[in-house]
Amino acid sequence: MKERFIEAARGGRTDRPPVWMMRQAGRYLPEYRELRAEYSFLEAISTPELAAEISLQPWERFQPDGIVMYSDILTVLEPLDFAYHLESGVGPVVENPVESPADTDRPRGDVREELWYVGDLLERLSSELGEEAAVLGFAGGPFTLGAYACEGTPSRTFMEIRRLRAEHPDAFRRLLRAFTDVLVDYVTYQVEAGADALQLFDTYAGLLSPADYREFLLPLHQEILEAVDVPTIVFARNMGANLELLAESGADVVALDWTVDIAEARETLAAVGDVAIQGNLDPALLYGDPEDVRERTREVIDAAGEEGHILNLGHGVDRNTPVENVAAFFETAKNASQ
């Protein structure tokens, strides 16, 4: 329920850990695949009644404590005049990527006007769920958005934005600044529309060195997260050795990927301040049998401690995950006691 989620996000003790899954509304659900057979991804996220129906599919099956809006981190490309589409087997493709330092000087549109459908979606979810579950908004972080904008397609290394940082640091700063300005407007808009909490996905921030993260990105994360007064969560992959940097972002919750020992992370973060944690079952473990899923989920709950823990996966649920194993994950959380 909403109260349980908010209390844990603020670092408090709850009767059990609140639970949700990243990408919990998606392709592992047969009802999602059935609906998506009629609509493209971009049609689905930009049509509020469809996006609300998809967002609520996990609620109807599992009743998690948080319902994340069905959307995409790349929506905020639109106010900066980037065009994108999704290609099957490829992923997101930016049609007009950054090709020179001059391309980092972006026009800035009106977030509320261009992304009106996100606000409409959040209003629908808030009205539907009331106090039953927290409505979760989210946004991509400036480095991850910039990485897509520079590369044009998904990449393991995102070398183009890292090259931009080395060859043209002023242009690199300008691009991150452009995304940050839009993101401040965007997260504020989400809260106004009904989001009870927000997660900032700067997934690829771990590609930066700790020094570059601190210099270029940390102040921007702080600015975005300070713009709202609801609980905030920050997530970046491959940051296990630098969790204190994520804690310095000012987020109420640091989300952990599955490569991090959650008990050790708790100790590390406790030295920085009063920060809650989220995570961090390996999504691949959901391919085991249901009893294995229950056992490994209980291990995460036990290791995380009794206060300030939101149970989640260490990344998004995979598209071929058996639904019965997702159910086992949620059931384990609900049967846990603190």
Protein backbone atom coordinates (compact mmCIF):
# COMPACT_ATOMS: atom_id res chain seq x y z
CA MET A 1 0.00 0.00 0.00
CA LYS A 2 1.04 3.61 -0.42
CA GLU A 3 1.75 4.26 3.25
CA ARG A 4 4.06 1.24 3.48
CA PHE A 5 5.99 2.33 0.40
CA ILE A 6 6.41 5.93 1.54
CA GLU A 7 7.47 4.94 5.04
CA ALA A 8 10.17 2.58 3.75
CA ALA A 9 11.38 5.15 1.23
CA ARG A 10 11.81 7.60 4.10
CA GLY A 11 13.94 5.05 5.93
CA GLY A 12 11.31 3.86 8.39
CA ARG A 13 10.38 0.44 9.72
CA THR A 14 7.42 -1.28 8.05
CA ASP A 15 5.47 -4.47 8.77
CA ARG A 16 7.12 -6.01 5.69
CA PRO A 17 9.20 -4.61 2.85
CA PRO A 18 7.11 -2.88 0.19
CA VAL A 19 7.60 -4.46 -3.21
CA TRP A 20 7.45 -3.57 -6.89
CA MET A 21 9.41 -4.54 -10.00
CA MET A 22 11.19 -2.42 -12.53
CA ARG A 23 9.49 -3.02 -15.89
CA GLN A 24 6.69 -4.82 -14.06
CA ALA A 25 4.21 -3.72 -16.75
CA GLY A 26 5.55 -5.42 -19.83
CA ARG A 27 6.19 -8.30 -22.15
CA TYR A 28 6.26 -11.17 -19.64
CA LEU A 29 2.48 -10.71 -19.20
CA PRO A 30 0.25 -12.38 -21.83
CA GLU A 31 -2.40 -9.67 -21.46
CA TYR A 32 0.26 -7.07 -22.27
CA ARG A 33 1.35 -8.92 -25.40
CA GLU A 34 -2.25 -9.25 -26.49
CA LEU A 35 -2.87 -5.53 -26.15
CA ARG A 36 0.42 -4.55 -27.78
CA ALA A 37 -0.44 -6.67 -30.83
CA GLU A 38 -2.91 -3.92 -31.69
CA TYR A 39 -0.77 -0.87 -30.92
CA SER A 40 2.82 0.23 -31.38
CA PHE A 41 4.88 1.05 -28.31
CA LEU A 42 4.78 4.78 -28.98
CA GLU A 43 1.02 4.62 -29.50
CA ALA A 44 0.61 2.78 -26.21
CA ILE A 45 2.66 5.18 -24.07
CA SER A 46 1.14 8.29 -25.63
CA THR A 47 -2.49 7.16 -25.27
CA PRO A 48 -3.34 7.66 -21.59
CA GLU A 49 -6.20 5.17 -21.38
CA LEU A 50 -4.01 2.44 -22.91
CA ALA A 51 -1.01 3.34 -20.78
CA ALA A 52 -3.20 3.27 -17.66
CA GLU A 53 -4.58 -0.14 -18.55
CA ILE A 54 -1.06 -1.50 -19.05
CA SER A 55 0.24 0.15 -15.86
CA LEU A 56 -2.53 -1.55 -13.87
CA GLN A 57 -2.08 -5.04 -15.29
CA PRO A 58 0.45 -5.99 -12.56
CA TRP A 59 -1.88 -4.50 -9.94
CA GLU A 60 -4.69 -6.77 -11.04
CA ARG A 61 -2.44 -9.83 -10.81
CA PHE A 62 -0.08 -9.16 -7.89
CA GLN A 63 -1.13 -6.00 -5.95
CA PRO A 64 2.39 -4.58 -5.52
CA ASP A 65 2.90 -1.65 -3.20
CA GLY A 66 4.02 0.59 -6.04
CA ILE A 67 2.56 0.95 -9.53
CA VAL A 68 4.99 2.47 -11.99
CA MET A 69 3.59 4.42 -14.89
CA TYR A 70 3.92 2.77 -18.30
CA SER A 71 6.17 5.12 -20.22
CA ASP A 72 9.77 5.41 -21.40
CA ILE A 73 12.82 7.41 -20.36
CA LEU A 74 13.18 8.76 -23.91
CA THR A 75 9.95 10.78 -23.87
CA VAL A 76 11.95 13.83 -22.75
CA LEU A 77 13.84 13.76 -26.03
CA GLU A 78 10.77 15.36 -27.57
CA PRO A 79 10.97 18.80 -25.89
CA LEU A 80 14.62 19.00 -27.04
CA ASP A 81 13.67 18.32 -30.66
CA PHE A 82 15.15 14.84 -30.88
CA ALA A 83 13.09 12.35 -32.88
CA TYR A 84 13.15 8.67 -31.99
CA HIS A 85 11.43 5.40 -32.71
CA LEU A 86 11.76 1.78 -31.61
CA GLU A 87 13.03 -0.90 -33.96
CA SER A 88 12.31 -4.55 -33.26
CA GLY A 89 15.50 -6.35 -32.30
CA VAL A 90 17.41 -3.08 -32.02
CA GLY A 91 15.67 -0.93 -29.43
CA PRO A 92 15.37 2.86 -29.39
CA VAL A 93 16.81 4.69 -32.38
CA VAL A 94 17.40 8.44 -32.26
CA GLU A 95 16.80 9.69 -35.79
CA ASN A 96 18.76 12.94 -35.46
CA PRO A 97 21.61 12.17 -33.05
CA VAL A 98 24.28 14.60 -31.90
CA GLU A 99 26.93 14.64 -34.64
CA SER A 100 28.93 17.74 -33.70
CA PRO A 101 29.38 20.06 -30.72
CA ALA A 102 26.95 22.48 -32.35
CA ASP A 103 24.19 19.88 -32.03
CA THR A 104 24.33 20.19 -28.25
CA ASP A 105 22.75 23.65 -28.42
CA ARG A 106 19.15 22.45 -28.23
CA PRO A 107 15.83 24.27 -28.51
CA ARG A 108 13.61 23.75 -25.48
CA GLY A 109 9.93 23.02 -25.80
CA ASP A 110 7.19 23.06 -23.19
CA VAL A 111 7.21 19.83 -21.20
CA ARG A 112 3.61 20.09 -20.06
CA GLU A 113 2.40 20.76 -23.58
CA GLU A 114 4.47 18.15 -25.41
CA LEU A 115 4.28 15.42 -22.75
CA TRP A 116 0.69 16.07 -21.72
CA TYR A 117 -0.11 12.38 -21.98
CA VAL A 118 2.24 11.56 -19.08
CA GLY A 119 0.38 13.90 -16.76
CA ASP A 120 -2.95 12.49 -17.91
CA LEU A 121 -1.70 8.96 -17.21
CA LEU A 122 -0.54 9.81 -13.69
CA GLU A 123 -3.84 11.50 -12.89
CA ARG A 124 -5.68 8.35 -13.98
CA LEU A 125 -3.46 6.08 -11.89
CA SER A 126 -3.72 8.29 -8.82
CA SER A 127 -7.50 8.37 -9.10
CA GLU A 128 -7.72 4.61 -9.58
CA LEU A 129 -5.33 3.55 -6.80
CA GLY A 130 -5.99 6.11 -4.09
CA GLU A 131 -4.24 4.90 -0.93
CA GLU A 132 -3.95 1.31 -2.14
CA ALA A 133 -0.54 1.71 -3.79
CA ALA A 134 2.03 4.39 -4.47
CA VAL A 135 2.00 5.83 -7.98
CA LEU A 136 5.58 5.84 -9.23
CA GLY A 137 6.84 8.27 -11.82
CA PHE A 138 10.28 8.13 -13.33
CA ALA A 139 12.72 9.82 -15.66
CA GLY A 140 15.99 9.00 -17.35
CA GLY A 141 19.06 10.75 -16.04
CA PRO A 142 20.94 13.36 -18.08
CA PHE A 143 23.96 11.18 -18.86
CA THR A 144 21.89 8.21 -20.01
CA LEU A 145 19.66 10.42 -22.16
CA GLY A 146 22.73 12.12 -23.58
CA ALA A 147 24.28 8.74 -24.28
CA TYR A 148 21.32 7.72 -26.42
CA ALA A 149 21.24 11.13 -28.10
CA CYS A 150 24.90 10.87 -29.08
CA GLU A 151 25.04 7.20 -30.01
CA GLY A 152 21.75 7.02 -31.90
CA THR A 153 21.22 3.36 -30.98
CA PRO A 154 21.80 1.20 -27.87
CA SER A 155 25.43 0.42 -27.12
CA ARG A 156 27.50 -1.39 -24.51
CA THR A 157 30.10 1.35 -24.29
CA PHE A 158 28.30 4.52 -25.45
CA MET A 159 31.65 5.76 -26.69
CA GLU A 160 30.25 8.76 -28.55
CA ILE A 161 29.19 10.67 -25.43
CA ARG A 162 32.41 9.70 -23.66
CA ARG A 163 34.34 10.95 -26.67
CA LEU A 164 32.35 14.18 -26.56
CA ARG A 165 33.33 14.60 -22.92
CA ALA A 166 37.03 14.19 -23.82
CA GLU A 167 37.14 16.25 -27.02
CA HIS A 168 34.55 18.91 -26.28
CA PRO A 169 33.90 19.18 -22.52
CA ASP A 170 31.96 22.43 -22.90
CA ALA A 171 29.60 20.78 -25.40
CA PHE A 172 29.29 17.79 -23.07
CA ARG A 173 28.29 20.11 -20.24
CA ARG A 174 25.86 21.95 -22.51
CA LEU A 175 24.11 18.72 -23.51
CA LEU A 176 23.78 17.53 -19.91
CA ARG A 177 22.55 20.98 -18.93
CA ALA A 178 19.86 20.88 -21.61
CA PHE A 179 18.57 17.54 -20.38
CA THR A 180 18.71 18.63 -16.76
CA ASP A 181 16.61 21.72 -17.39
CA VAL A 182 13.95 19.63 -19.10
CA LEU A 183 14.11 16.95 -16.41
CA VAL A 184 13.50 19.46 -13.63
CA ASP A 185 10.34 20.55 -15.43
CA TYR A 186 9.39 16.93 -16.11
CA VAL A 187 9.71 15.56 -12.58
CA THR A 188 7.90 18.59 -11.19
CA TYR A 189 5.10 17.99 -13.68
CA GLN A 190 4.86 14.33 -12.67
CA VAL A 191 4.48 15.20 -9.00
CA GLU A 192 1.84 17.82 -9.79
CA ALA A 193 -0.05 15.16 -11.77
CA GLY A 194 -0.08 12.65 -8.92
CA ALA A 195 3.22 10.79 -8.63
CA ASP A 196 3.83 9.73 -5.02
CA ALA A 197 7.50 8.90 -5.61
CA LEU A 198 10.02 9.22 -8.44
CA GLN A 199 12.89 7.10 -9.69
CA LEU A 200 15.75 8.65 -11.64
CA PHE A 201 17.26 6.08 -14.00
CA ASP A 202 20.74 7.25 -14.91
CA THR A 203 21.49 3.66 -15.83
CA TYR A 204 24.76 4.23 -17.65
CA ALA A 205 26.29 6.73 -15.24
CA GLY A 206 28.62 3.94 -14.13
CA LEU A 207 30.46 4.35 -17.44
CA LEU A 208 31.91 7.59 -16.07
CA SER A 209 34.92 7.57 -13.81
CA PRO A 210 34.16 8.52 -10.19
CA ALA A 211 35.93 11.84 -10.75
CA ASP A 212 33.85 12.62 -13.83
CA TYR A 213 30.65 11.57 -12.10
CA ARG A 214 31.40 13.92 -9.23
CA GLU A 215 32.37 16.82 -11.49
CA PHE A 216 29.82 16.60 -14.28
CA LEU A 217 26.86 14.58 -13.07
CA LEU A 218 26.46 14.72 -9.29
CA PRO A 219 25.41 18.40 -9.17
CA LEU A 220 22.81 17.72 -11.88
CA HIS A 221 21.37 14.72 -10.03
CA GLN A 222 21.14 16.87 -6.92
CA GLU A 223 19.33 19.60 -8.83
CA ILE A 224 16.78 17.21 -10.35
CA LEU A 225 16.05 15.34 -7.13
CA GLU A 226 15.81 18.52 -5.05
CA ALA A 227 13.12 19.85 -7.40
CA VAL A 228 10.41 17.64 -5.86
CA ASP A 229 9.16 16.98 -2.33
CA VAL A 230 8.16 13.32 -2.73
CA PRO A 231 10.47 10.36 -2.00
CA THR A 232 13.09 9.90 -4.69
CA ILE A 233 15.07 6.87 -5.85
CA VAL A 234 18.28 6.93 -7.88
CA PHE A 235 19.50 4.01 -9.97
CA ALA A 236 22.70 3.45 -11.90
CA ARG A 237 24.29 0.17 -12.91
CA ASN A 238 27.87 -0.80 -12.08
CA MET A 239 28.17 1.67 -9.21
CA GLY A 240 28.80 -0.89 -6.47
CA ALA A 241 32.23 0.52 -5.69
CA ASN A 242 30.92 4.09 -5.63
CA LEU A 243 27.62 3.91 -3.79
CA GLU A 244 28.53 6.90 -1.68
CA LEU A 245 28.37 9.04 -4.83
CA LEU A 246 24.79 7.95 -5.46
CA ALA A 247 23.96 8.70 -1.83
CA GLU A 248 25.35 12.20 -2.24
CA SER A 249 22.78 12.80 -4.99
CA GLY A 250 20.26 13.57 -2.27
CA ALA A 251 17.96 10.69 -3.21
CA ASP A 252 16.00 9.17 -0.36
CA VAL A 253 16.64 5.69 -1.76
CA VAL A 254 19.60 4.16 -3.59
CA ALA A 255 18.53 1.33 -5.89
CA LEU A 256 21.07 -1.47 -6.15
CA ASP A 257 21.76 -3.72 -9.09
CA TRP A 258 22.24 -7.43 -8.47
CA THR A 259 26.06 -7.27 -8.54
CA VAL A 260 26.05 -5.55 -5.13
CA ASP A 261 25.95 -7.38 -1.81
CA ILE A 262 22.94 -5.72 -0.23
CA ALA A 263 24.16 -6.12 3.37
CA GLU A 264 27.52 -4.58 2.54
CA ALA A 265 25.78 -1.80 0.63
CA ARG A 266 23.69 -1.04 3.70
CA GLU A 267 26.86 -0.61 5.78
CA THR A 268 28.52 1.56 3.14
CA LEU A 269 25.51 3.84 2.81
CA ALA A 270 25.02 4.08 6.57
CA ALA A 271 28.43 5.73 6.76
CA VAL A 272 27.22 8.42 4.34
CA GLY A 273 23.85 9.21 5.85
CA ASP A 274 20.29 8.06 6.38
CA VAL A 275 19.62 6.48 3.00
CA ALA A 276 17.11 3.73 2.26
CA ILE A 277 17.85 0.97 -0.24
CA GLN A 278 15.97 -0.74 -3.04
CA GLY A 279 16.65 -4.10 -4.64
CA ASN A 280 18.19 -6.31 -5.57
CA LEU A 281 17.32 -9.85 -6.71
CA ASP A 282 19.05 -10.89 -9.94
CA PRO A 283 16.29 -10.94 -12.60
CA ALA A 284 17.80 -14.12 -14.03
CA LEU A 285 16.93 -15.96 -10.82
CA LEU A 286 13.26 -15.64 -11.76
CA TYR A 287 13.92 -18.40 -14.29
CA GLY A 288 14.36 -20.93 -11.46
CA ASP A 289 11.47 -22.89 -10.04
CA PRO A 290 9.05 -21.00 -7.76
CA GLU A 291 10.54 -22.41 -4.55
CA ASP A 292 14.01 -21.26 -5.60
CA VAL A 293 12.56 -17.81 -6.27
CA ARG A 294 11.02 -17.75 -2.81
CA GLU A 295 14.26 -18.83 -1.15
CA ARG A 296 16.45 -16.30 -2.96
CA THR A 297 13.92 -13.53 -2.37
CA ARG A 298 13.87 -14.29 1.35
CA GLU A 299 17.67 -14.10 1.35
CA VAL A 300 17.51 -10.57 -0.07
CA ILE A 301 14.90 -9.52 2.49
CA ASP A 302 16.92 -10.93 5.38
CA ALA A 303 20.18 -9.36 4.21
CA ALA A 304 18.62 -5.94 3.64
CA GLY A 305 17.65 -5.39 7.26
CA GLU A 306 14.46 -4.26 8.90
CA GLU A 307 14.28 -0.56 8.04
CA GLY A 308 14.27 1.42 4.85
CA HIS A 309 14.17 -1.41 2.31
CA ILE A 310 12.02 -1.55 -0.84
CA LEU A 311 12.14 -5.00 -2.39
CA ASN A 312 12.79 -5.02 -6.13
CA LEU A 313 14.90 -6.71 -8.75
CA GLY A 314 18.41 -5.53 -9.53
CA HIS A 315 17.14 -4.47 -12.96
CA GLY A 316 14.00 -4.93 -15.05
CA VAL A 317 12.07 -8.18 -15.24
CA ASP A 318 13.02 -10.08 -18.41
CA ARG A 319 10.44 -10.54 -21.17
CA ASN A 320 10.43 -14.37 -21.02
CA THR A 321 10.16 -14.68 -17.24
CA PRO A 322 7.49 -17.20 -16.15
CA VAL A 323 4.52 -15.38 -14.65
CA GLU A 324 4.26 -17.94 -11.83
CA ASN A 325 7.77 -16.99 -10.72
CA VAL A 326 6.90 -13.32 -10.67
CA ALA A 327 3.92 -14.27 -8.51
CA ALA A 328 6.26 -16.21 -6.19
CA PHE A 329 8.46 -13.12 -5.81
CA PHE A 330 5.52 -10.92 -4.82
CA GLU A 331 4.02 -13.57 -2.54
CA THR A 332 7.30 -13.92 -0.67
CA ALA A 333 7.41 -10.21 0.04
CA LYS A 334 3.84 -10.21 1.27
CA ASN A 335 4.45 -13.14 3.58
CA ALA A 336 7.57 -11.61 5.08
CA SER A 337 7.48 -9.94 8.48
CA GLN A 338 9.89 -7.40 9.89
